[in-house]
PDB file of all heavy atoms in Angstrom:
ATOM      1  N   LYS A   1      25.898  18.970  18.968  1.00  0.00           N
ATOM      2  CA  LYS A   1      25.890  17.892  17.977  1.00  0.00           C
ATOM      3  C   LYS A   1      25.294  16.611  18.541  1.00  0.00           C
ATOM      4  O   LYS A   1      24.671  15.829  17.807  1.00  0.00           O
ATOM      5  CB  LYS A   1      27.308  17.635  17.463  1.00  0.00           C
ATOM      6  CG  LYS A   1      27.942  18.842  16.766  1.00  0.00           C
ATOM      7  CD  LYS A   1      27.128  19.275  15.559  1.00  0.00           C
ATOM      8  CE  LYS A   1      27.783  20.448  14.854  1.00  0.00           C
ATOM      9  NZ  LYS A   1      27.002  20.937  13.687  1.00  0.00           N
ATOM     10  N   ILE A   2      25.494  16.398  19.847  1.00  0.00           N
ATOM     11  CA  ILE A   2      24.920  15.212  20.479  1.00  0.00           C
ATOM     12  C   ILE A   2      23.398  15.286  20.420  1.00  0.00           C
ATOM     13  O   ILE A   2      22.721  14.329  20.019  1.00  0.00           O
ATOM     14  CB  ILE A   2      25.384  15.080  21.942  1.00  0.00           C
ATOM     15  CG1 ILE A   2      26.919  15.088  22.041  1.00  0.00           C
ATOM     16  CG2 ILE A   2      24.800  13.817  22.566  1.00  0.00           C
ATOM     17  CD1 ILE A   2      27.599  13.954  21.317  1.00  0.00           C
ATOM     18  N   VAL A   3      22.865  16.427  20.788  1.00  0.00           N
ATOM     19  CA  VAL A   3      21.409  16.603  20.795  1.00  0.00           C
ATOM     20  C   VAL A   3      20.845  16.509  19.374  1.00  0.00           C
ATOM     21  O   VAL A   3      19.808  15.882  19.137  1.00  0.00           O
ATOM     22  CB  VAL A   3      21.022  17.947  21.443  1.00  0.00           C
ATOM     23  CG1 VAL A   3      19.526  18.201  21.317  1.00  0.00           C
ATOM     24  CG2 VAL A   3      21.436  17.966  22.915  1.00  0.00           C
ATOM     25  N   ALA A   4      21.534  17.115  18.414  1.00  0.00           N
ATOM     26  CA  ALA A   4      21.077  17.061  17.023  1.00  0.00           C
ATOM     27  C   ALA A   4      21.019  15.619  16.520  1.00  0.00           C
ATOM     28  O   ALA A   4      20.062  15.215  15.838  1.00  0.00           O
ATOM     29  CB  ALA A   4      21.997  17.893  16.134  1.00  0.00           C
ATOM     30  N   GLY A   5      22.031  14.831  16.872  1.00  0.00           N
ATOM     31  CA  GLY A   5      22.038  13.427  16.470  1.00  0.00           C
ATOM     32  C   GLY A   5      20.945  12.632  17.142  1.00  0.00           C
ATOM     33  O   GLY A   5      20.341  11.742  16.523  1.00  0.00           O
ATOM     34  N   VAL A   6      20.668  12.948  18.393  1.00  0.00           N
ATOM     35  CA  VAL A   6      19.597  12.270  19.119  1.00  0.00           C
ATOM     36  C   VAL A   6      18.238  12.574  18.494  1.00  0.00           C
ATOM     37  O   VAL A   6      17.411  11.678  18.307  1.00  0.00           O
ATOM     38  CB  VAL A   6      19.616  12.667  20.610  1.00  0.00           C
ATOM     39  CG1 VAL A   6      18.351  12.177  21.312  1.00  0.00           C
ATOM     40  CG2 VAL A   6      20.849  12.100  21.297  1.00  0.00           C
ATOM     41  N   ILE A   7      18.014  13.835  18.157  1.00  0.00           N
ATOM     42  CA  ILE A   7      16.742  14.211  17.528  1.00  0.00           C
ATOM     43  C   ILE A   7      16.541  13.444  16.225  1.00  0.00           C
ATOM     44  O   ILE A   7      15.466  12.886  15.953  1.00  0.00           O
ATOM     45  CB  ILE A   7      16.688  15.732  17.261  1.00  0.00           C
ATOM     46  CG1 ILE A   7      16.631  16.504  18.583  1.00  0.00           C
ATOM     47  CG2 ILE A   7      15.485  16.093  16.386  1.00  0.00           C
ATOM     48  CD1 ILE A   7      16.754  18.007  18.432  1.00  0.00           C
ATOM     49  N   LYS A   8      17.579  13.393  15.414  1.00  0.00           N
ATOM     50  CA  LYS A   8      17.500  12.693  14.130  1.00  0.00           C
ATOM     51  C   LYS A   8      17.183  11.214  14.331  1.00  0.00           C
ATOM     52  O   LYS A   8      16.343  10.635  13.623  1.00  0.00           O
ATOM     53  CB  LYS A   8      18.823  12.845  13.370  1.00  0.00           C
ATOM     54  CG  LYS A   8      18.836  12.165  12.006  1.00  0.00           C
ATOM     55  CD  LYS A   8      20.166  12.394  11.300  1.00  0.00           C
ATOM     56  CE  LYS A   8      20.184  11.696   9.943  1.00  0.00           C
ATOM     57  NZ  LYS A   8      21.481  11.922   9.232  1.00  0.00           N
ATOM     58  N   THR A   9      17.824  10.596  15.307  1.00  0.00           N
ATOM     59  CA  THR A   9      17.620   9.172  15.553  1.00  0.00           C
ATOM     60  C   THR A   9      16.257   8.908  16.184  1.00  0.00           C
ATOM     61  O   THR A   9      15.587   7.928  15.846  1.00  0.00           O
ATOM     62  CB  THR A   9      18.717   8.617  16.477  1.00  0.00           C
ATOM     63  OG1 THR A   9      19.985   9.131  16.090  1.00  0.00           O
ATOM     64  CG2 THR A   9      18.752   7.105  16.412  1.00  0.00           C
ATOM     65  N   ALA A  10      15.849   9.785  17.101  1.00  0.00           N
ATOM     66  CA  ALA A  10      14.586   9.597  17.809  1.00  0.00           C
ATOM     67  C   ALA A  10      13.388   9.628  16.861  1.00  0.00           C
ATOM     68  O   ALA A  10      12.381   8.948  17.083  1.00  0.00           O
ATOM     69  CB  ALA A  10      14.424  10.659  18.889  1.00  0.00           C
ATOM     70  N   LYS A  11      13.491  10.403  15.804  1.00  0.00           N
ATOM     71  CA  LYS A  11      12.406  10.456  14.816  1.00  0.00           C
ATOM     72  C   LYS A  11      12.266   9.140  14.077  1.00  0.00           C
ATOM     73  O   LYS A  11      11.164   8.755  13.666  1.00  0.00           O
ATOM     74  CB  LYS A  11      12.674  11.586  13.818  1.00  0.00           C
ATOM     75  CG  LYS A  11      12.505  12.980  14.385  1.00  0.00           C
ATOM     76  CD  LYS A  11      12.808  14.024  13.311  1.00  0.00           C
ATOM     77  CE  LYS A  11      12.619  15.431  13.826  1.00  0.00           C
ATOM     78  NZ  LYS A  11      12.941  16.445  12.783  1.00  0.00           N
ATOM     79  N   GLU A  12      13.379   8.457  13.888  1.00  0.00           N
ATOM     80  CA  GLU A  12      13.373   7.186  13.149  1.00  0.00           C
ATOM     81  C   GLU A  12      13.082   6.001  14.066  1.00  0.00           C
ATOM     82  O   GLU A  12      12.285   5.123  13.716  1.00  0.00           O
ATOM     83  CB  GLU A  12      14.720   6.994  12.460  1.00  0.00           C
ATOM     84  CG  GLU A  12      14.802   5.728  11.628  1.00  0.00           C
ATOM     85  CD  GLU A  12      16.122   5.630  10.879  1.00  0.00           C
ATOM     86  OE1 GLU A  12      16.675   6.690  10.500  1.00  0.00           O
ATOM     87  OE2 GLU A  12      16.600   4.499  10.678  1.00  0.00           O
ATOM     88  N   LEU A  13      13.728   5.987  15.237  1.00  0.00           N
ATOM     89  CA  LEU A  13      13.552   4.873  16.174  1.00  0.00           C
ATOM     90  C   LEU A  13      12.553   5.291  17.253  1.00  0.00           C
ATOM     91  O   LEU A  13      12.917   5.578  18.391  1.00  0.00           O
ATOM     92  CB  LEU A  13      14.894   4.487  16.790  1.00  0.00           C
ATOM     93  CG  LEU A  13      16.003   4.083  15.818  1.00  0.00           C
ATOM     94  CD1 LEU A  13      17.276   3.719  16.577  1.00  0.00           C
ATOM     95  CD2 LEU A  13      15.565   2.918  14.937  1.00  0.00           C
ATOM     96  N   THR A  14      11.307   5.315  16.890  1.00  0.00           N
ATOM     97  CA  THR A  14      10.269   5.812  17.802  1.00  0.00           C
ATOM     98  C   THR A  14       9.998   4.872  18.973  1.00  0.00           C
ATOM     99  O   THR A  14       9.386   5.278  19.962  1.00  0.00           O
ATOM    100  CB  THR A  14       8.964   6.054  17.033  1.00  0.00           C
ATOM    101  OG1 THR A  14       8.576   4.838  16.364  1.00  0.00           O
ATOM    102  CG2 THR A  14       9.139   7.157  15.990  1.00  0.00           C
ATOM    103  N   ASP A  15      10.463   3.623  18.865  1.00  0.00           N
ATOM    104  CA  ASP A  15      10.260   2.664  19.949  1.00  0.00           C
ATOM    105  C   ASP A  15      11.465   2.591  20.876  1.00  0.00           C
ATOM    106  O   ASP A  15      11.568   1.684  21.700  1.00  0.00           O
ATOM    107  CB  ASP A  15       9.963   1.279  19.381  1.00  0.00           C
ATOM    108  CG  ASP A  15      11.087   0.762  18.485  1.00  0.00           C
ATOM    109  OD1 ASP A  15      11.918   1.575  18.063  1.00  0.00           O
ATOM    110  OD2 ASP A  15      11.105  -0.455  18.206  1.00  0.00           O
ATOM    111  N   THR A  16      12.381   3.556  20.754  1.00  0.00           N
ATOM    112  CA  THR A  16      13.567   3.626  21.608  1.00  0.00           C
ATOM    113  C   THR A  16      13.536   4.908  22.427  1.00  0.00           C
ATOM    114  O   THR A  16      13.210   5.973  21.903  1.00  0.00           O
ATOM    115  CB  THR A  16      14.856   3.589  20.762  1.00  0.00           C
ATOM    116  OG1 THR A  16      14.916   2.344  20.062  1.00  0.00           O
ATOM    117  CG2 THR A  16      16.091   3.723  21.636  1.00  0.00           C
ATOM    118  N   GLU A  17      13.857   4.801  23.712  1.00  0.00           N
ATOM    119  CA  GLU A  17      13.888   5.975  24.590  1.00  0.00           C
ATOM    120  C   GLU A  17      15.322   6.501  24.695  1.00  0.00           C
ATOM    121  O   GLU A  17      16.245   5.746  24.967  1.00  0.00           O
ATOM    122  CB  GLU A  17      13.376   5.612  25.984  1.00  0.00           C
ATOM    123  CG  GLU A  17      13.400   6.784  26.964  1.00  0.00           C
ATOM    124  CD  GLU A  17      12.872   6.401  28.327  1.00  0.00           C
ATOM    125  OE1 GLU A  17      11.642   6.414  28.500  1.00  0.00           O
ATOM    126  OE2 GLU A  17      13.699   6.061  29.212  1.00  0.00           O
ATOM    127  N   PHE A  18      15.490   7.796  24.473  1.00  0.00           N
ATOM    128  CA  PHE A  18      16.801   8.435  24.525  1.00  0.00           C
ATOM    129  C   PHE A  18      16.861   9.335  25.757  1.00  0.00           C
ATOM    130  O   PHE A  18      16.133  10.325  25.845  1.00  0.00           O
ATOM    131  CB  PHE A  18      17.045   9.240  23.248  1.00  0.00           C
ATOM    132  CG  PHE A  18      17.003   8.392  22.003  1.00  0.00           C
ATOM    133  CD1 PHE A  18      15.819   8.190  21.318  1.00  0.00           C
ATOM    134  CD2 PHE A  18      18.151   7.765  21.533  1.00  0.00           C
ATOM    135  CE1 PHE A  18      15.766   7.400  20.180  1.00  0.00           C
ATOM    136  CE2 PHE A  18      18.115   6.961  20.402  1.00  0.00           C
ATOM    137  CZ  PHE A  18      16.916   6.779  19.723  1.00  0.00           C
ATOM    138  N   GLN A  19      17.732   8.984  26.689  1.00  0.00           N
ATOM    139  CA  GLN A  19      17.868   9.720  27.945  1.00  0.00           C
ATOM    140  C   GLN A  19      19.101  10.610  27.870  1.00  0.00           C
ATOM    141  O   GLN A  19      20.228  10.115  27.829  1.00  0.00           O
ATOM    142  CB  GLN A  19      17.995   8.743  29.117  1.00  0.00           C
ATOM    143  CG  GLN A  19      16.852   7.753  29.236  1.00  0.00           C
ATOM    144  CD  GLN A  19      17.116   6.666  30.259  1.00  0.00           C
ATOM    145  OE1 GLN A  19      18.172   6.652  30.910  1.00  0.00           O
ATOM    146  NE2 GLN A  19      16.180   5.737  30.405  1.00  0.00           N
ATOM    147  N   LEU A  20      18.892  11.920  27.831  1.00  0.00           N
ATOM    148  CA  LEU A  20      19.987  12.883  27.726  1.00  0.00           C
ATOM    149  C   LEU A  20      20.394  13.365  29.117  1.00  0.00           C
ATOM    150  O   LEU A  20      19.611  14.007  29.820  1.00  0.00           O
ATOM    151  CB  LEU A  20      19.555  14.076  26.876  1.00  0.00           C
ATOM    152  CG  LEU A  20      19.461  13.832  25.365  1.00  0.00           C
ATOM    153  CD1 LEU A  20      18.698  14.960  24.693  1.00  0.00           C
ATOM    154  CD2 LEU A  20      20.851  13.693  24.757  1.00  0.00           C
ATOM    155  N   TYR A  21      21.630  13.044  29.524  1.00  0.00           N
ATOM    156  CA  TYR A  21      22.151  13.430  30.826  1.00  0.00           C
ATOM    157  C   TYR A  21      23.105  14.607  30.667  1.00  0.00           C
ATOM    158  O   TYR A  21      24.027  14.558  29.845  1.00  0.00           O
ATOM    159  CB  TYR A  21      22.885  12.256  31.472  1.00  0.00           C
ATOM    160  CG  TYR A  21      21.967  11.126  31.881  1.00  0.00           C
ATOM    161  CD1 TYR A  21      21.524  10.189  30.937  1.00  0.00           C
ATOM    162  CD2 TYR A  21      21.537  10.984  33.195  1.00  0.00           C
ATOM    163  CE1 TYR A  21      20.672   9.154  31.303  1.00  0.00           C
ATOM    164  CE2 TYR A  21      20.691   9.952  33.574  1.00  0.00           C
ATOM    165  CZ  TYR A  21      20.258   9.047  32.618  1.00  0.00           C
ATOM    166  OH  TYR A  21      19.411   8.019  32.979  1.00  0.00           O
ATOM    167  N   GLY A  22      22.877  15.672  31.460  1.00  0.00           N
ATOM    168  CA  GLY A  22      23.753  16.827  31.391  1.00  0.00           C
ATOM    169  C   GLY A  22      23.089  18.093  31.866  1.00  0.00           C
ATOM    170  O   GLY A  22      22.029  18.058  32.515  1.00  0.00           O
ATOM    171  N   ASP A  23      23.683  19.220  31.547  1.00  0.00           N
ATOM    172  CA  ASP A  23      23.150  20.536  31.912  1.00  0.00           C
ATOM    173  C   ASP A  23      21.836  20.755  31.160  1.00  0.00           C
ATOM    174  O   ASP A  23      21.822  20.940  29.943  1.00  0.00           O
ATOM    175  CB  ASP A  23      24.171  21.611  31.523  1.00  0.00           C
ATOM    176  CG  ASP A  23      23.755  23.004  31.964  1.00  0.00           C
ATOM    177  OD1 ASP A  23      22.545  23.301  31.953  1.00  0.00           O
ATOM    178  OD2 ASP A  23      24.643  23.806  32.293  1.00  0.00           O
ATOM    179  N   GLU A  24      20.738  20.730  31.896  1.00  0.00           N
ATOM    180  CA  GLU A  24      19.419  20.786  31.254  1.00  0.00           C
ATOM    181  C   GLU A  24      19.224  22.044  30.419  1.00  0.00           C
ATOM    182  O   GLU A  24      18.696  21.990  29.304  1.00  0.00           O
ATOM    183  CB  GLU A  24      18.304  20.682  32.300  1.00  0.00           C
ATOM    184  CG  GLU A  24      16.917  20.635  31.676  1.00  0.00           C
ATOM    185  CD  GLU A  24      15.831  20.306  32.678  1.00  0.00           C
ATOM    186  OE1 GLU A  24      16.125  20.214  33.892  1.00  0.00           O
ATOM    187  OE2 GLU A  24      14.663  20.148  32.239  1.00  0.00           O
ATOM    188  N   ALA A  25      19.657  23.181  30.931  1.00  0.00           N
ATOM    189  CA  ALA A  25      19.486  24.438  30.202  1.00  0.00           C
ATOM    190  C   ALA A  25      20.257  24.399  28.883  1.00  0.00           C
ATOM    191  O   ALA A  25      19.741  24.815  27.834  1.00  0.00           O
ATOM    192  CB  ALA A  25      19.953  25.611  31.058  1.00  0.00           C
ATOM    193  N   ALA A  26      21.495  23.899  28.925  1.00  0.00           N
ATOM    194  CA  ALA A  26      22.309  23.820  27.712  1.00  0.00           C
ATOM    195  C   ALA A  26      21.709  22.837  26.715  1.00  0.00           C
ATOM    196  O   ALA A  26      21.685  23.090  25.504  1.00  0.00           O
ATOM    197  CB  ALA A  26      23.737  23.402  28.073  1.00  0.00           C
ATOM    198  N   ILE A  27      21.225  21.712  27.211  1.00  0.00           N
ATOM    199  CA  ILE A  27      20.621  20.702  26.332  1.00  0.00           C
ATOM    200  C   ILE A  27      19.370  21.250  25.651  1.00  0.00           C
ATOM    201  O   ILE A  27      19.190  21.107  24.438  1.00  0.00           O
ATOM    202  CB  ILE A  27      20.282  19.426  27.137  1.00  0.00           C
ATOM    203  CG1 ILE A  27      21.565  18.720  27.581  1.00  0.00           C
ATOM    204  CG2 ILE A  27      19.420  18.466  26.303  1.00  0.00           C
ATOM    205  CD1 ILE A  27      21.335  17.580  28.556  1.00  0.00           C
ATOM    206  N   ARG A  28      18.517  21.900  26.421  1.00  0.00           N
ATOM    207  CA  ARG A  28      17.246  22.387  25.865  1.00  0.00           C
ATOM    208  C   ARG A  28      17.454  23.542  24.882  1.00  0.00           C
ATOM    209  O   ARG A  28      16.578  23.828  24.061  1.00  0.00           O
ATOM    210  CB  ARG A  28      16.294  22.795  26.998  1.00  0.00           C
ATOM    211  CG  ARG A  28      15.819  21.595  27.808  1.00  0.00           C
ATOM    212  CD  ARG A  28      14.574  21.874  28.611  1.00  0.00           C
ATOM    213  NE  ARG A  28      14.135  20.691  29.351  1.00  0.00           N
ATOM    214  CZ  ARG A  28      13.452  19.681  28.832  1.00  0.00           C
ATOM    215  NH1 ARG A  28      13.103  19.719  27.551  1.00  0.00           N
ATOM    216  NH2 ARG A  28      13.106  18.648  29.574  1.00  0.00           N
ATOM    217  N   THR A  29      18.605  24.180  24.939  1.00  0.00           N
ATOM    218  CA  THR A  29      18.925  25.217  23.960  1.00  0.00           C
ATOM    219  C   THR A  29      18.934  24.631  22.551  1.00  0.00           C
ATOM    220  O   THR A  29      18.534  25.289  21.583  1.00  0.00           O
ATOM    221  CB  THR A  29      20.303  25.838  24.261  1.00  0.00           C
ATOM    222  OG1 THR A  29      20.263  26.449  25.548  1.00  0.00           O
ATOM    223  CG2 THR A  29      20.681  26.882  23.213  1.00  0.00           C
ATOM    224  N   TYR A  30      19.386  23.384  22.450  1.00  0.00           N
ATOM    225  CA  TYR A  30      19.500  22.721  21.145  1.00  0.00           C
ATOM    226  C   TYR A  30      18.397  21.688  20.904  1.00  0.00           C
ATOM    227  O   TYR A  30      18.308  21.135  19.808  1.00  0.00           O
ATOM    228  CB  TYR A  30      20.865  22.039  21.034  1.00  0.00           C
ATOM    229  CG  TYR A  30      22.003  23.012  21.209  1.00  0.00           C
ATOM    230  CD1 TYR A  30      22.737  23.059  22.393  1.00  0.00           C
ATOM    231  CD2 TYR A  30      22.332  23.921  20.198  1.00  0.00           C
ATOM    232  CE1 TYR A  30      23.772  23.967  22.560  1.00  0.00           C
ATOM    233  CE2 TYR A  30      23.360  24.833  20.359  1.00  0.00           C
ATOM    234  CZ  TYR A  30      24.078  24.847  21.541  1.00  0.00           C
ATOM    235  OH  TYR A  30      25.095  25.757  21.701  1.00  0.00           O
ATOM    236  N   LEU A  31      17.593  21.442  21.911  1.00  0.00           N
ATOM    237  CA  LEU A  31      16.488  20.494  21.757  1.00  0.00           C
ATOM    238  C   LEU A  31      15.327  21.238  21.117  1.00  0.00           C
ATOM    239  O   LEU A  31      14.369  21.648  21.781  1.00  0.00           O
ATOM    240  CB  LEU A  31      16.104  19.905  23.117  1.00  0.00           C
ATOM    241  CG  LEU A  31      15.192  18.682  23.117  1.00  0.00           C
ATOM    242  CD1 LEU A  31      15.817  17.531  22.343  1.00  0.00           C
ATOM    243  CD2 LEU A  31      14.900  18.249  24.551  1.00  0.00           C
ATOM    244  N   THR A  32      15.421  21.406  19.814  1.00  0.00           N
ATOM    245  CA  THR A  32      14.483  22.251  19.069  1.00  0.00           C
ATOM    246  C   THR A  32      13.115  21.618  18.863  1.00  0.00           C
ATOM    247  O   THR A  32      12.171  22.293  18.470  1.00  0.00           O
ATOM    248  CB  THR A  32      15.077  22.589  17.687  1.00  0.00           C
ATOM    249  OG1 THR A  32      15.408  21.366  17.004  1.00  0.00           O
ATOM    250  CG2 THR A  32      16.330  23.425  17.844  1.00  0.00           C
ATOM    251  N   GLU A  33      13.012  20.323  19.125  1.00  0.00           N
ATOM    252  CA  GLU A  33      11.731  19.630  18.965  1.00  0.00           C
ATOM    253  C   GLU A  33      11.430  18.809  20.203  1.00  0.00           C
ATOM    254  O   GLU A  33      12.315  18.192  20.776  1.00  0.00           O
ATOM    255  CB  GLU A  33      11.760  18.714  17.730  1.00  0.00           C
ATOM    256  CG  GLU A  33      12.029  19.447  16.427  1.00  0.00           C
ATOM    257  CD  GLU A  33      12.015  18.495  15.238  1.00  0.00           C
ATOM    258  OE1 GLU A  33      11.054  17.711  15.130  1.00  0.00           O
ATOM    259  OE2 GLU A  33      12.965  18.528  14.443  1.00  0.00           O
ATOM    260  N   GLU A  34      10.162  18.827  20.617  1.00  0.00           N
ATOM    261  CA  GLU A  34       9.736  18.031  21.755  1.00  0.00           C
ATOM    262  C   GLU A  34       9.255  16.674  21.243  1.00  0.00           C
ATOM    263  O   GLU A  34       8.225  16.574  20.587  1.00  0.00           O
ATOM    264  CB  GLU A  34       8.614  18.741  22.523  1.00  0.00           C
ATOM    265  CG  GLU A  34       9.048  20.012  23.243  1.00  0.00           C
ATOM    266  CD  GLU A  34       9.995  19.714  24.405  1.00  0.00           C
ATOM    267  OE1 GLU A  34       9.927  18.596  24.964  1.00  0.00           O
ATOM    268  OE2 GLU A  34      10.806  20.588  24.745  1.00  0.00           O
ATOM    269  N   LEU A  35      10.037  15.642  21.526  1.00  0.00           N
ATOM    270  CA  LEU A  35       9.695  14.296  21.101  1.00  0.00           C
ATOM    271  C   LEU A  35       9.440  13.440  22.332  1.00  0.00           C
ATOM    272  O   LEU A  35      10.183  13.509  23.311  1.00  0.00           O
ATOM    273  CB  LEU A  35      10.816  13.689  20.257  1.00  0.00           C
ATOM    274  CG  LEU A  35      11.144  14.442  18.949  1.00  0.00           C
ATOM    275  CD1 LEU A  35      12.389  13.849  18.293  1.00  0.00           C
ATOM    276  CD2 LEU A  35       9.962  14.370  17.989  1.00  0.00           C
ATOM    277  N   ALA A  36       8.409  12.615  22.260  1.00  0.00           N
ATOM    278  CA  ALA A  36       7.991  11.832  23.417  1.00  0.00           C
ATOM    279  C   ALA A  36       9.055  10.847  23.889  1.00  0.00           C
ATOM    280  O   ALA A  36       9.083  10.486  25.076  1.00  0.00           O
ATOM    281  CB  ALA A  36       6.701  11.078  23.090  1.00  0.00           C
ATOM    282  N   ASN A  37       9.918  10.410  22.990  1.00  0.00           N
ATOM    283  CA  ASN A  37      10.923   9.408  23.364  1.00  0.00           C
ATOM    284  C   ASN A  37      12.281  10.011  23.716  1.00  0.00           C
ATOM    285  O   ASN A  37      13.283   9.305  23.767  1.00  0.00           O
ATOM    286  CB  ASN A  37      11.072   8.355  22.268  1.00  0.00           C
ATOM    287  CG  ASN A  37      11.452   8.950  20.918  1.00  0.00           C
ATOM    288  OD1 ASN A  37      11.186  10.112  20.641  1.00  0.00           O
ATOM    289  ND2 ASN A  37      12.071   8.151  20.074  1.00  0.00           N
ATOM    290  N   ILE A  38      12.316  11.330  23.978  1.00  0.00           N
ATOM    291  CA  ILE A  38      13.546  11.978  24.459  1.00  0.00           C
ATOM    292  C   ILE A  38      13.290  12.534  25.861  1.00  0.00           C
ATOM    293  O   ILE A  38      12.332  13.291  26.080  1.00  0.00           O
ATOM    294  CB  ILE A  38      13.995  13.125  23.533  1.00  0.00           C
ATOM    295  CG1 ILE A  38      14.387  12.591  22.153  1.00  0.00           C
ATOM    296  CG2 ILE A  38      15.181  13.866  24.151  1.00  0.00           C
ATOM    297  CD1 ILE A  38      14.831  13.665  21.184  1.00  0.00           C
ATOM    298  N   LYS A  39      14.139  12.159  26.802  1.00  0.00           N
ATOM    299  CA  LYS A  39      14.043  12.656  28.169  1.00  0.00           C
ATOM    300  C   LYS A  39      15.335  13.368  28.551  1.00  0.00           C
ATOM    301  O   LYS A  39      16.413  12.960  28.120  1.00  0.00           O
ATOM    302  CB  LYS A  39      13.772  11.510  29.143  1.00  0.00           C
ATOM    303  CG  LYS A  39      12.397  10.866  28.977  1.00  0.00           C
ATOM    304  CD  LYS A  39      12.150   9.826  30.073  1.00  0.00           C
ATOM    305  CE  LYS A  39      10.753   9.250  29.960  1.00  0.00           C
ATOM    306  NZ  LYS A  39      10.482   8.249  31.023  1.00  0.00           N
TER     307      LYS A  39
END
């Protein structure tokens, strides 16, 4: 749910960088879209 909320926000706030800290494999499972402002 954290990743889903970040994706939704990142599409709207394109001038904001969202840094996701955690288990990379688990995060990328739900990171269904590659957005430039999500790390």
